[in-house]
Amino acid sequence: NESHAWGIDDVISSAIQMYAKSAEDHDFVDILNQVHGD
């Protein structure tokens, strides 16, 4: 789960995930694609 913009984007994403109850964002896609290869 890569950090972006010195962690600022991560804090914003976490808040969105807590309110929207969804984590299907760009990091979600990246994690799935990484895991698929391994």
PDB file of all heavy atoms in Angstrom:
ATOM      1  N   ASN A   1       0.869  -1.171   0.000  1.00  0.00           N
ATOM      2  CA  ASN A   1       0.000   0.000   0.000  1.00  0.00           C
ATOM      3  C   ASN A   1       0.912   1.230   0.000  1.00  0.00           C
ATOM      4  O   ASN A   1       1.377   1.658   1.041  1.00  0.00           O
ATOM      5  CB  ASN A   1      -0.896  -0.050   1.246  1.00  0.00           C
ATOM      6  CG  ASN A   1      -1.687   1.222   1.471  1.00  0.00           C
ATOM      7  OD1 ASN A   1      -1.951   1.979   0.557  1.00  0.00           O
ATOM      8  ND2 ASN A   1      -2.067   1.453   2.721  1.00  0.00           N
ATOM      9  N   GLU A   2       1.166   1.756  -1.175  1.00  0.00           N
ATOM     10  CA  GLU A   2       2.148   2.834  -1.337  1.00  0.00           C
ATOM     11  C   GLU A   2       1.654   4.160  -0.765  1.00  0.00           C
ATOM     12  O   GLU A   2       0.478   4.511  -0.888  1.00  0.00           O
ATOM     13  CB  GLU A   2       2.455   3.020  -2.829  1.00  0.00           C
ATOM     14  CG  GLU A   2       3.525   4.032  -3.121  1.00  0.00           C
ATOM     15  CD  GLU A   2       3.853   4.141  -4.593  1.00  0.00           C
ATOM     16  OE1 GLU A   2       3.239   3.437  -5.398  1.00  0.00           O
ATOM     17  OE2 GLU A   2       4.726   4.962  -4.934  1.00  0.00           O
ATOM     18  N   SER A   3       2.564   4.892  -0.131  1.00  0.00           N
ATOM     19  CA  SER A   3       2.254   6.240   0.339  1.00  0.00           C
ATOM     20  C   SER A   3       2.399   7.232  -0.808  1.00  0.00           C
ATOM     21  O   SER A   3       3.251   7.065  -1.677  1.00  0.00           O
ATOM     22  CB  SER A   3       3.202   6.649   1.476  1.00  0.00           C
ATOM     23  OG  SER A   3       2.776   6.102   2.688  1.00  0.00           O
ATOM     24  N   HIS A   4       1.561   8.262  -0.795  1.00  0.00           N
ATOM     25  CA  HIS A   4       1.586   9.284  -1.848  1.00  0.00           C
ATOM     26  C   HIS A   4       1.607  10.665  -1.220  1.00  0.00           C
ATOM     27  O   HIS A   4       1.007  10.882  -0.164  1.00  0.00           O
ATOM     28  CB  HIS A   4       0.346   9.156  -2.747  1.00  0.00           C
ATOM     29  CG  HIS A   4       0.152   7.797  -3.330  1.00  0.00           C
ATOM     30  ND1 HIS A   4       0.846   7.345  -4.421  1.00  0.00           N
ATOM     31  CD2 HIS A   4      -0.641   6.766  -2.941  1.00  0.00           C
ATOM     32  CE1 HIS A   4       0.478   6.105  -4.703  1.00  0.00           C
ATOM     33  NE2 HIS A   4      -0.425   5.725  -3.823  1.00  0.00           N
ATOM     34  N   ALA A   5       2.261  11.586  -1.866  1.00  0.00           N
ATOM     35  CA  ALA A   5       2.287  12.995  -1.454  1.00  0.00           C
ATOM     36  C   ALA A   5       2.653  13.129   0.019  1.00  0.00           C
ATOM     37  O   ALA A   5       1.972  13.797   0.788  1.00  0.00           O
ATOM     38  CB  ALA A   5       0.945  13.667  -1.748  1.00  0.00           C
ATOM     39  N   TRP A   6       3.763  12.475   0.386  1.00  0.00           N
ATOM     40  CA  TRP A   6       4.290  12.523   1.749  1.00  0.00           C
ATOM     41  C   TRP A   6       3.260  12.054   2.788  1.00  0.00           C
ATOM     42  O   TRP A   6       3.281  12.477   3.931  1.00  0.00           O
ATOM     43  CB  TRP A   6       4.795  13.924   2.099  1.00  0.00           C
ATOM     44  CG  TRP A   6       5.822  14.402   1.135  1.00  0.00           C
ATOM     45  CD1 TRP A   6       7.141  14.065   1.073  1.00  0.00           C
ATOM     46  CD2 TRP A   6       5.596  15.301   0.051  1.00  0.00           C
ATOM     47  NE1 TRP A   6       7.755  14.686   0.017  1.00  0.00           N
ATOM     48  CE2 TRP A   6       6.828  15.460  -0.634  1.00  0.00           C
ATOM     49  CE3 TRP A   6       4.470  15.975  -0.432  1.00  0.00           C
ATOM     50  CZ2 TRP A   6       6.949  16.263  -1.765  1.00  0.00           C
ATOM     51  CZ3 TRP A   6       4.608  16.776  -1.550  1.00  0.00           C
ATOM     52  CH2 TRP A   6       5.845  16.911  -2.193  1.00  0.00           C
ATOM     53  N   GLY A   7       2.339  11.190   2.375  1.00  0.00           N
ATOM     54  CA  GLY A   7       1.329  10.653   3.284  1.00  0.00           C
ATOM     55  C   GLY A   7       0.043  11.449   3.343  1.00  0.00           C
ATOM     56  O   GLY A   7      -0.954  10.987   3.910  1.00  0.00           O
ATOM     57  N   ILE A   8       0.044  12.652   2.750  1.00  0.00           N
ATOM     58  CA  ILE A   8      -1.166  13.485   2.789  1.00  0.00           C
ATOM     59  C   ILE A   8      -2.314  12.791   2.067  1.00  0.00           C
ATOM     60  O   ILE A   8      -3.446  12.738   2.556  1.00  0.00           O
ATOM     61  CB  ILE A   8      -0.893  14.878   2.174  1.00  0.00           C
ATOM     62  CG1 ILE A   8       0.152  15.616   3.009  1.00  0.00           C
ATOM     63  CG2 ILE A   8      -2.178  15.688   2.070  1.00  0.00           C
ATOM     64  CD1 ILE A   8       0.706  16.862   2.364  1.00  0.00           C
ATOM     65  N   ASP A   9      -2.017  12.227   0.893  1.00  0.00           N
ATOM     66  CA  ASP A   9      -3.039  11.511   0.123  1.00  0.00           C
ATOM     67  C   ASP A   9      -3.562  10.309   0.908  1.00  0.00           C
ATOM     68  O   ASP A   9      -4.743   9.974   0.843  1.00  0.00           O
ATOM     69  CB  ASP A   9      -2.461  11.059  -1.218  1.00  0.00           C
ATOM     70  CG  ASP A   9      -3.482  10.337  -2.067  1.00  0.00           C
ATOM     71  OD1 ASP A   9      -4.416  10.999  -2.551  1.00  0.00           O
ATOM     72  OD2 ASP A   9      -3.357   9.104  -2.245  1.00  0.00           O
ATOM     73  N   ASP A  10      -2.679   9.660   1.678  1.00  0.00           N
ATOM     74  CA  ASP A  10      -3.087   8.488   2.456  1.00  0.00           C
ATOM     75  C   ASP A  10      -4.079   8.877   3.555  1.00  0.00           C
ATOM     76  O   ASP A  10      -5.048   8.159   3.806  1.00  0.00           O
ATOM     77  CB  ASP A  10      -1.862   7.823   3.097  1.00  0.00           C
ATOM     78  CG  ASP A  10      -0.816   7.438   2.054  1.00  0.00           C
ATOM     79  OD1 ASP A  10      -1.207   7.226   0.901  1.00  0.00           O
ATOM     80  OD2 ASP A  10       0.362   7.362   2.409  1.00  0.00           O
ATOM     81  N   VAL A  11      -3.818  10.005   4.206  1.00  0.00           N
ATOM     82  CA  VAL A  11      -4.722  10.476   5.255  1.00  0.00           C
ATOM     83  C   VAL A  11      -6.090  10.797   4.651  1.00  0.00           C
ATOM     84  O   VAL A  11      -7.138  10.422   5.195  1.00  0.00           O
ATOM     85  CB  VAL A  11      -4.139  11.712   5.981  1.00  0.00           C
ATOM     86  CG1 VAL A  11      -5.151  12.318   6.934  1.00  0.00           C
ATOM     87  CG2 VAL A  11      -2.855  11.328   6.721  1.00  0.00           C
ATOM     88  N   ILE A  12      -6.080  11.470   3.500  1.00  0.00           N
ATOM     89  CA  ILE A  12      -7.330  11.806   2.818  1.00  0.00           C
ATOM     90  C   ILE A  12      -8.061  10.528   2.399  1.00  0.00           C
ATOM     91  O   ILE A  12      -9.272  10.393   2.609  1.00  0.00           O
ATOM     92  CB  ILE A  12      -7.066  12.719   1.603  1.00  0.00           C
ATOM     93  CG1 ILE A  12      -6.548  14.087   2.073  1.00  0.00           C
ATOM     94  CG2 ILE A  12      -8.323  12.883   0.754  1.00  0.00           C
ATOM     95  CD1 ILE A  12      -5.996  14.971   0.968  1.00  0.00           C
ATOM     96  N   SER A  13      -7.310   9.576   1.818  1.00  0.00           N
ATOM     97  CA  SER A  13      -7.920   8.306   1.395  1.00  0.00           C
ATOM     98  C   SER A  13      -8.521   7.563   2.572  1.00  0.00           C
ATOM     99  O   SER A  13      -9.618   7.001   2.478  1.00  0.00           O
ATOM    100  CB  SER A  13      -6.882   7.407   0.710  1.00  0.00           C
ATOM    101  OG  SER A  13      -6.463   7.967  -0.501  1.00  0.00           O
ATOM    102  N   SER A  14      -7.807   7.548   3.707  1.00  0.00           N
ATOM    103  CA  SER A  14      -8.320   6.869   4.901  1.00  0.00           C
ATOM    104  C   SER A  14      -9.624   7.492   5.368  1.00  0.00           C
ATOM    105  O   SER A  14     -10.568   6.784   5.739  1.00  0.00           O
ATOM    106  CB  SER A  14      -7.295   6.921   6.030  1.00  0.00           C
ATOM    107  OG  SER A  14      -6.149   6.189   5.699  1.00  0.00           O
ATOM    108  N   ALA A  15      -9.678   8.828   5.364  1.00  0.00           N
ATOM    109  CA  ALA A  15     -10.905   9.516   5.783  1.00  0.00           C
ATOM    110  C   ALA A  15     -12.052   9.173   4.837  1.00  0.00           C
ATOM    111  O   ALA A  15     -13.176   8.893   5.289  1.00  0.00           O
ATOM    112  CB  ALA A  15     -10.672  11.021   5.830  1.00  0.00           C
ATOM    113  N   ILE A  16     -11.778   9.172   3.548  1.00  0.00           N
ATOM    114  CA  ILE A  16     -12.813   8.815   2.567  1.00  0.00           C
ATOM    115  C   ILE A  16     -13.291   7.389   2.812  1.00  0.00           C
ATOM    116  O   ILE A  16     -14.490   7.096   2.778  1.00  0.00           O
ATOM    117  CB  ILE A  16     -12.278   8.977   1.123  1.00  0.00           C
ATOM    118  CG1 ILE A  16     -12.073  10.458   0.809  1.00  0.00           C
ATOM    119  CG2 ILE A  16     -13.225   8.325   0.108  1.00  0.00           C
ATOM    120  CD1 ILE A  16     -11.298  10.723  -0.459  1.00  0.00           C
ATOM    121  N   GLN A  17     -12.352   6.487   3.077  1.00  0.00           N
ATOM    122  CA  GLN A  17     -12.718   5.089   3.313  1.00  0.00           C
ATOM    123  C   GLN A  17     -13.575   4.942   4.563  1.00  0.00           C
ATOM    124  O   GLN A  17     -14.485   4.115   4.609  1.00  0.00           O
ATOM    125  CB  GLN A  17     -11.444   4.243   3.412  1.00  0.00           C
ATOM    126  CG  GLN A  17     -10.744   4.108   2.071  1.00  0.00           C
ATOM    127  CD  GLN A  17      -9.276   3.725   2.192  1.00  0.00           C
ATOM    128  OE1 GLN A  17      -8.705   3.698   3.272  1.00  0.00           O
ATOM    129  NE2 GLN A  17      -8.656   3.453   1.052  1.00  0.00           N
ATOM    130  N   MET A  18     -13.312   5.747   5.586  1.00  0.00           N
ATOM    131  CA  MET A  18     -14.108   5.674   6.815  1.00  0.00           C
ATOM    132  C   MET A  18     -15.520   6.197   6.592  1.00  0.00           C
ATOM    133  O   MET A  18     -16.476   5.682   7.166  1.00  0.00           O
ATOM    134  CB  MET A  18     -13.427   6.454   7.940  1.00  0.00           C
ATOM    135  CG  MET A  18     -12.239   5.718   8.525  1.00  0.00           C
ATOM    136  SD  MET A  18     -11.523   6.569   9.946  1.00  0.00           S
ATOM    137  CE  MET A  18     -10.428   7.718   9.133  1.00  0.00           C
ATOM    138  N   TYR A  19     -15.653   7.236   5.756  1.00  0.00           N
ATOM    139  CA  TYR A  19     -16.978   7.814   5.517  1.00  0.00           C
ATOM    140  C   TYR A  19     -17.738   7.066   4.427  1.00  0.00           C
ATOM    141  O   TYR A  19     -18.919   6.763   4.568  1.00  0.00           O
ATOM    142  CB  TYR A  19     -16.860   9.298   5.152  1.00  0.00           C
ATOM    143  CG  TYR A  19     -16.628  10.178   6.352  1.00  0.00           C
ATOM    144  CD1 TYR A  19     -15.343  10.569   6.704  1.00  0.00           C
ATOM    145  CD2 TYR A  19     -17.684  10.594   7.152  1.00  0.00           C
ATOM    146  CE1 TYR A  19     -15.115  11.363   7.821  1.00  0.00           C
ATOM    147  CE2 TYR A  19     -17.469  11.398   8.273  1.00  0.00           C
ATOM    148  CZ  TYR A  19     -16.179  11.769   8.600  1.00  0.00           C
ATOM    149  OH  TYR A  19     -15.958  12.548   9.711  1.00  0.00           O
ATOM    150  N   ALA A  20     -17.056   6.746   3.332  1.00  0.00           N
ATOM    151  CA  ALA A  20     -17.729   6.103   2.197  1.00  0.00           C
ATOM    152  C   ALA A  20     -17.829   4.595   2.356  1.00  0.00           C
ATOM    153  O   ALA A  20     -18.578   3.938   1.643  1.00  0.00           O
ATOM    154  CB  ALA A  20     -16.983   6.432   0.898  1.00  0.00           C
ATOM    155  N   LYS A  21     -17.032   4.020   3.287  1.00  0.00           N
ATOM    156  CA  LYS A  21     -16.988   2.569   3.510  1.00  0.00           C
ATOM    157  C   LYS A  21     -16.656   1.829   2.220  1.00  0.00           C
ATOM    158  O   LYS A  21     -17.225   0.790   1.911  1.00  0.00           O
ATOM    159  CB  LYS A  21     -18.301   2.079   4.113  1.00  0.00           C
ATOM    160  CG  LYS A  21     -18.584   2.686   5.475  1.00  0.00           C
ATOM    161  CD  LYS A  21     -19.797   2.089   6.127  1.00  0.00           C
ATOM    162  CE  LYS A  21     -20.028   2.731   7.480  1.00  0.00           C
ATOM    163  NZ  LYS A  21     -21.176   2.174   8.179  1.00  0.00           N
ATOM    164  N   SER A  22     -15.733   2.397   1.467  1.00  0.00           N
ATOM    165  CA  SER A  22     -15.266   1.771   0.232  1.00  0.00           C
ATOM    166  C   SER A  22     -13.774   2.037   0.094  1.00  0.00           C
ATOM    167  O   SER A  22     -13.292   3.109   0.424  1.00  0.00           O
ATOM    168  CB  SER A  22     -15.997   2.369  -0.976  1.00  0.00           C
ATOM    169  OG  SER A  22     -15.429   1.874  -2.168  1.00  0.00           O
ATOM    170  N   ALA A  23     -13.057   1.021  -0.386  1.00  0.00           N
ATOM    171  CA  ALA A  23     -11.614   1.182  -0.574  1.00  0.00           C
ATOM    172  C   ALA A  23     -11.207   0.861  -2.003  1.00  0.00           C
ATOM    173  O   ALA A  23     -10.056   0.549  -2.268  1.00  0.00           O
ATOM    174  CB  ALA A  23     -10.859   0.282   0.402  1.00  0.00           C
ATOM    175  N   GLU A  24     -12.142   0.940  -2.922  1.00  0.00           N
ATOM    176  CA  GLU A  24     -11.825   0.616  -4.313  1.00  0.00           C
ATOM    177  C   GLU A  24     -11.270   1.847  -5.020  1.00  0.00           C
ATOM    178  O   GLU A  24     -11.926   2.473  -5.840  1.00  0.00           O
ATOM    179  CB  GLU A  24     -13.058   0.047  -5.022  1.00  0.00           C
ATOM    180  CG  GLU A  24     -13.454  -1.302  -4.452  1.00  0.00           C
ATOM    181  CD  GLU A  24     -14.526  -2.009  -5.257  1.00  0.00           C
ATOM    182  OE1 GLU A  24     -14.937  -1.480  -6.307  1.00  0.00           O
ATOM    183  OE2 GLU A  24     -14.961  -3.082  -4.827  1.00  0.00           O
ATOM    184  N   ASP A  25     -10.023   2.174  -4.677  1.00  0.00           N
ATOM    185  CA  ASP A  25      -9.358   3.325  -5.265  1.00  0.00           C
ATOM    186  C   ASP A  25      -8.116   2.867  -6.026  1.00  0.00           C
ATOM    187  O   ASP A  25      -7.942   1.683  -6.307  1.00  0.00           O
ATOM    188  CB  ASP A  25      -9.017   4.356  -4.182  1.00  0.00           C
ATOM    189  CG  ASP A  25      -8.107   3.785  -3.094  1.00  0.00           C
ATOM    190  OD1 ASP A  25      -7.533   2.694  -3.279  1.00  0.00           O
ATOM    191  OD2 ASP A  25      -7.954   4.450  -2.042  1.00  0.00           O
ATOM    192  N   HIS A  26      -7.233   3.798  -6.359  1.00  0.00           N
ATOM    193  CA  HIS A  26      -6.048   3.465  -7.153  1.00  0.00           C
ATOM    194  C   HIS A  26      -5.121   2.499  -6.423  1.00  0.00           C
ATOM    195  O   HIS A  26      -4.524   1.616  -7.043  1.00  0.00           O
ATOM    196  CB  HIS A  26      -5.295   4.745  -7.563  1.00  0.00           C
ATOM    197  CG  HIS A  26      -4.873   5.597  -6.394  1.00  0.00           C
ATOM    198  ND1 HIS A  26      -3.597   5.602  -5.909  1.00  0.00           N
ATOM    199  CD2 HIS A  26      -5.587   6.445  -5.609  1.00  0.00           C
ATOM    200  CE1 HIS A  26      -3.527   6.437  -4.878  1.00  0.00           C
ATOM    201  NE2 HIS A  26      -4.713   6.953  -4.675  1.00  0.00           N
ATOM    202  N   ASP A  27      -4.989   2.617  -5.098  1.00  0.00           N
ATOM    203  CA  ASP A  27      -4.131   1.690  -4.356  1.00  0.00           C
ATOM    204  C   ASP A  27      -4.729   0.285  -4.335  1.00  0.00           C
ATOM    205  O   ASP A  27      -4.005  -0.707  -4.379  1.00  0.00           O
ATOM    206  CB  ASP A  27      -3.900   2.189  -2.926  1.00  0.00           C
ATOM    207  CG  ASP A  27      -2.909   3.345  -2.877  1.00  0.00           C
ATOM    208  OD1 ASP A  27      -1.910   3.291  -3.617  1.00  0.00           O
ATOM    209  OD2 ASP A  27      -3.138   4.299  -2.119  1.00  0.00           O
ATOM    210  N   PHE A  28      -6.042   0.192  -4.262  1.00  0.00           N
ATOM    211  CA  PHE A  28      -6.740  -1.088  -4.328  1.00  0.00           C
ATOM    212  C   PHE A  28      -6.386  -1.818  -5.625  1.00  0.00           C
ATOM    213  O   PHE A  28      -6.047  -3.000  -5.627  1.00  0.00           O
ATOM    214  CB  PHE A  28      -8.248  -0.831  -4.223  1.00  0.00           C
ATOM    215  CG  PHE A  28      -9.119  -2.026  -4.475  1.00  0.00           C
ATOM    216  CD1 PHE A  28      -9.215  -3.052  -3.545  1.00  0.00           C
ATOM    217  CD2 PHE A  28      -9.880  -2.110  -5.631  1.00  0.00           C
ATOM    218  CE1 PHE A  28     -10.038  -4.145  -3.763  1.00  0.00           C
ATOM    219  CE2 PHE A  28     -10.707  -3.196  -5.855  1.00  0.00           C
ATOM    220  CZ  PHE A  28     -10.788  -4.218  -4.920  1.00  0.00           C
ATOM    221  N   VAL A  29      -6.437  -1.088  -6.727  1.00  0.00           N
ATOM    222  CA  VAL A  29      -6.089  -1.658  -8.036  1.00  0.00           C
ATOM    223  C   VAL A  29      -4.630  -2.102  -8.047  1.00  0.00           C
ATOM    224  O   VAL A  29      -4.300  -3.213  -8.483  1.00  0.00           O
ATOM    225  CB  VAL A  29      -6.352  -0.635  -9.169  1.00  0.00           C
ATOM    226  CG1 VAL A  29      -5.859  -1.171 -10.505  1.00  0.00           C
ATOM    227  CG2 VAL A  29      -7.825  -0.289  -9.245  1.00  0.00           C
ATOM    228  N   ASP A  30      -3.746  -1.244  -7.537  1.00  0.00           N
ATOM    229  CA  ASP A  30      -2.313  -1.565  -7.511  1.00  0.00           C
ATOM    230  C   ASP A  30      -2.028  -2.812  -6.673  1.00  0.00           C
ATOM    231  O   ASP A  30      -1.247  -3.675  -7.072  1.00  0.00           O
ATOM    232  CB  ASP A  30      -1.504  -0.389  -6.955  1.00  0.00           C
ATOM    233  CG  ASP A  30      -1.463   0.796  -7.902  1.00  0.00           C
ATOM    234  OD1 ASP A  30      -1.809   0.631  -9.089  1.00  0.00           O
ATOM    235  OD2 ASP A  30      -1.101   1.902  -7.443  1.00  0.00           O
ATOM    236  N   ILE A  31      -2.663  -2.909  -5.507  1.00  0.00           N
ATOM    237  CA  ILE A  31      -2.438  -4.055  -4.627  1.00  0.00           C
ATOM    238  C   ILE A  31      -2.911  -5.341  -5.297  1.00  0.00           C
ATOM    239  O   ILE A  31      -2.205  -6.356  -5.290  1.00  0.00           O
ATOM    240  CB  ILE A  31      -3.132  -3.849  -3.262  1.00  0.00           C
ATOM    241  CG1 ILE A  31      -2.454  -2.713  -2.491  1.00  0.00           C
ATOM    242  CG2 ILE A  31      -3.107  -5.139  -2.442  1.00  0.00           C
ATOM    243  CD1 ILE A  31      -3.250  -2.209  -1.290  1.00  0.00           C
ATOM    244  N   LEU A  32      -4.087  -5.304  -5.905  1.00  0.00           N
ATOM    245  CA  LEU A  32      -4.593  -6.504  -6.589  1.00  0.00           C
ATOM    246  C   LEU A  32      -3.655  -6.945  -7.708  1.00  0.00           C
ATOM    247  O   LEU A  32      -3.388  -8.139  -7.873  1.00  0.00           O
ATOM    248  CB  LEU A  32      -5.979  -6.241  -7.164  1.00  0.00           C
ATOM    249  CG  LEU A  32      -7.159  -6.648  -6.300  1.00  0.00           C
ATOM    250  CD1 LEU A  32      -8.465  -6.291  -6.992  1.00  0.00           C
ATOM    251  CD2 LEU A  32      -7.137  -8.129  -5.970  1.00  0.00           C
ATOM    252  N   ASN A  33      -3.156  -5.999  -8.473  1.00  0.00           N
ATOM    253  CA  ASN A  33      -2.256  -6.354  -9.575  1.00  0.00           C
ATOM    254  C   ASN A  33      -0.922  -6.895  -9.070  1.00  0.00           C
ATOM    255  O   ASN A  33      -0.359  -7.809  -9.661  1.00  0.00           O
ATOM    256  CB  ASN A  33      -2.069  -5.166 -10.517  1.00  0.00           C
ATOM    257  CG  ASN A  33      -3.272  -4.956 -11.405  1.00  0.00           C
ATOM    258  OD1 ASN A  33      -3.867  -5.904 -11.903  1.00  0.00           O
ATOM    259  ND2 ASN A  33      -3.656  -3.709 -11.593  1.00  0.00           N
ATOM    260  N   GLN A  34      -0.404  -6.358  -7.975  1.00  0.00           N
ATOM    261  CA  GLN A  34       0.828  -6.897  -7.372  1.00  0.00           C
ATOM    262  C   GLN A  34       0.622  -8.325  -6.912  1.00  0.00           C
ATOM    263  O   GLN A  34       1.417  -9.212  -7.193  1.00  0.00           O
ATOM    264  CB  GLN A  34       1.193  -6.118  -6.104  1.00  0.00           C
ATOM    265  CG  GLN A  34       1.731  -4.743  -6.247  1.00  0.00           C
ATOM    266  CD  GLN A  34       1.778  -4.126  -4.855  1.00  0.00           C
ATOM    267  OE1 GLN A  34       2.273  -4.735  -3.922  1.00  0.00           O
ATOM    268  NE2 GLN A  34       1.258  -2.922  -4.725  1.00  0.00           N
ATOM    269  N   VAL A  35      -0.459  -8.541  -6.168  1.00  0.00           N
ATOM    270  CA  VAL A  35      -0.745  -9.848  -5.591  1.00  0.00           C
ATOM    271  C   VAL A  35      -0.940 -10.886  -6.686  1.00  0.00           C
ATOM    272  O   VAL A  35      -0.490 -12.028  -6.569  1.00  0.00           O
ATOM    273  CB  VAL A  35      -1.987  -9.759  -4.663  1.00  0.00           C
ATOM    274  CG1 VAL A  35      -2.471 -11.129  -4.261  1.00  0.00           C
ATOM    275  CG2 VAL A  35      -1.663  -8.916  -3.442  1.00  0.00           C
ATOM    276  N   HIS A  36      -1.584 -10.476  -7.758  1.00  0.00           N
ATOM    277  CA  HIS A  36      -1.813 -11.395  -8.874  1.00  0.00           C
ATOM    278  C   HIS A  36      -0.505 -11.992  -9.385  1.00  0.00           C
ATOM    279  O   HIS A  36      -0.429 -13.175  -9.681  1.00  0.00           O
ATOM    280  CB  HIS A  36      -2.526 -10.658 -10.014  1.00  0.00           C
ATOM    281  CG  HIS A  36      -2.583 -11.427 -11.289  1.00  0.00           C
ATOM    282  ND1 HIS A  36      -3.255 -12.626 -11.411  1.00  0.00           N
ATOM    283  CD2 HIS A  36      -2.019 -11.192 -12.498  1.00  0.00           C
ATOM    284  CE1 HIS A  36      -3.117 -13.072 -12.643  1.00  0.00           C
ATOM    285  NE2 HIS A  36      -2.370 -12.231 -13.319  1.00  0.00           N
ATOM    286  N   GLY A  37       0.527 -11.184  -9.436  1.00  0.00           N
ATOM    287  CA  GLY A  37       1.810 -11.669  -9.940  1.00  0.00           C
ATOM    288  C   GLY A  37       2.545 -12.593  -8.977  1.00  0.00           C
ATOM    289  O   GLY A  37       3.350 -13.425  -9.396  1.00  0.00           O
ATOM    290  N   ASP A  38       2.263 -12.469  -7.677  1.00  0.00           N
ATOM    291  CA  ASP A  38       3.000 -13.235  -6.661  1.00  0.00           C
ATOM    292  C   ASP A  38       2.232 -14.412  -6.076  1.00  0.00           C
ATOM    293  O   ASP A  38       2.818 -15.270  -5.431  1.00  0.00           O
ATOM    294  CB  ASP A  38       3.405 -12.314  -5.503  1.00  0.00           C
ATOM    295  CG  ASP A  38       4.395 -11.245  -5.938  1.00  0.00           C
ATOM    296  OD1 ASP A  38       5.119 -11.479  -6.918  1.00  0.00           O
ATOM    297  OD2 ASP A  38       4.440 -10.178  -5.297  1.00  0.00           O
TER     298      ASP A  38
END
